[in-house]
Amino acid sequence: MLLETVKSIKTSVLDLIYPPQCIHCNEGLTNAQSLLCDVCATMLHPLEPTHRCKYCFSEQCCERTGCCTNCTSKAKVLSGCASVFDYIGPASSIIKKMKYSDMPFLGKGVAAYMFAQFVKLEWPLPDIIVPIPLSLSHKVQRGYNQSALIASELGNYLNRDVVNILKRRNDGYSQAGLKRYQRERLSQAAFQLKENIEIIDKTVLLVDDVYTTGSTLNRSSEAICGGYPKHIYALTFCRAY
């Protein structure tokens, strides 16, 4: 009881010295337990899966085929791909804070939104959930892999195991500053399926934080195909354009 009182007092003192701020607009928060102010919270609009390309989640979708013109002309590796938000506003701030401001705890809320979107999509339950691996240098620098944290929380919601079946070969190679065409040229050998992985006829759910050009998810799924899974789906928190 005394310990809880001390913690409460400590929190109150810290809030007085460093008032909690909205992680998007930096305005003061009336509720210290919140991450977004009331205004920014209303700006979170989940994307509606209806009438979007099932392979890249683009809005340019043909009702007859269920996919966009770009995906129509390409070989299909993913059985489905979707995101929860556009990479703008509070949603982008959440991911940036999680990745670059040492806020790994945001993964739980991110995964909750992704779980809600997964239910809407009506995809089959995966046998395993696979996070996109982070290069060793970036993991050391950041202290954690944000995609792995999100996948772990999503695994709790879906009651499915999270398995790290991929390894990244382009260690230290960051895509953050690359132009779109450079991202799209990401080497097919960037990801590799680990040895002795048994995923034959299994349904795999790939998890990442942001979809930009789709190169990372496509290269990852191509590597996973070497294990002969039944289906591969991909879900991200945000979709950039």
Foldseek 3Di string as FASTA:
>chain_A
DVVVVVVVVVVVVCCVVPPQAALFPRHGAPDNVDNHHPVLVVVQDWDQQPCAQFQQRHNQADPVVSHHPVVVPDDGLAPGEEATAACDGPLVSLVCCCQPVLCLVSLLVLLVSQLVVVVNVPDDQFQEEEEQDAAPVSCVVRVHASRVSNRVNNCVVSVHYYDHQKDADVHPDDCVPPDLVVLQVPDLVRMAGDPPDAAAQTEYEYEDAEAENCSSVVSHSVRVCVNHYNHYYYYYHHYYD
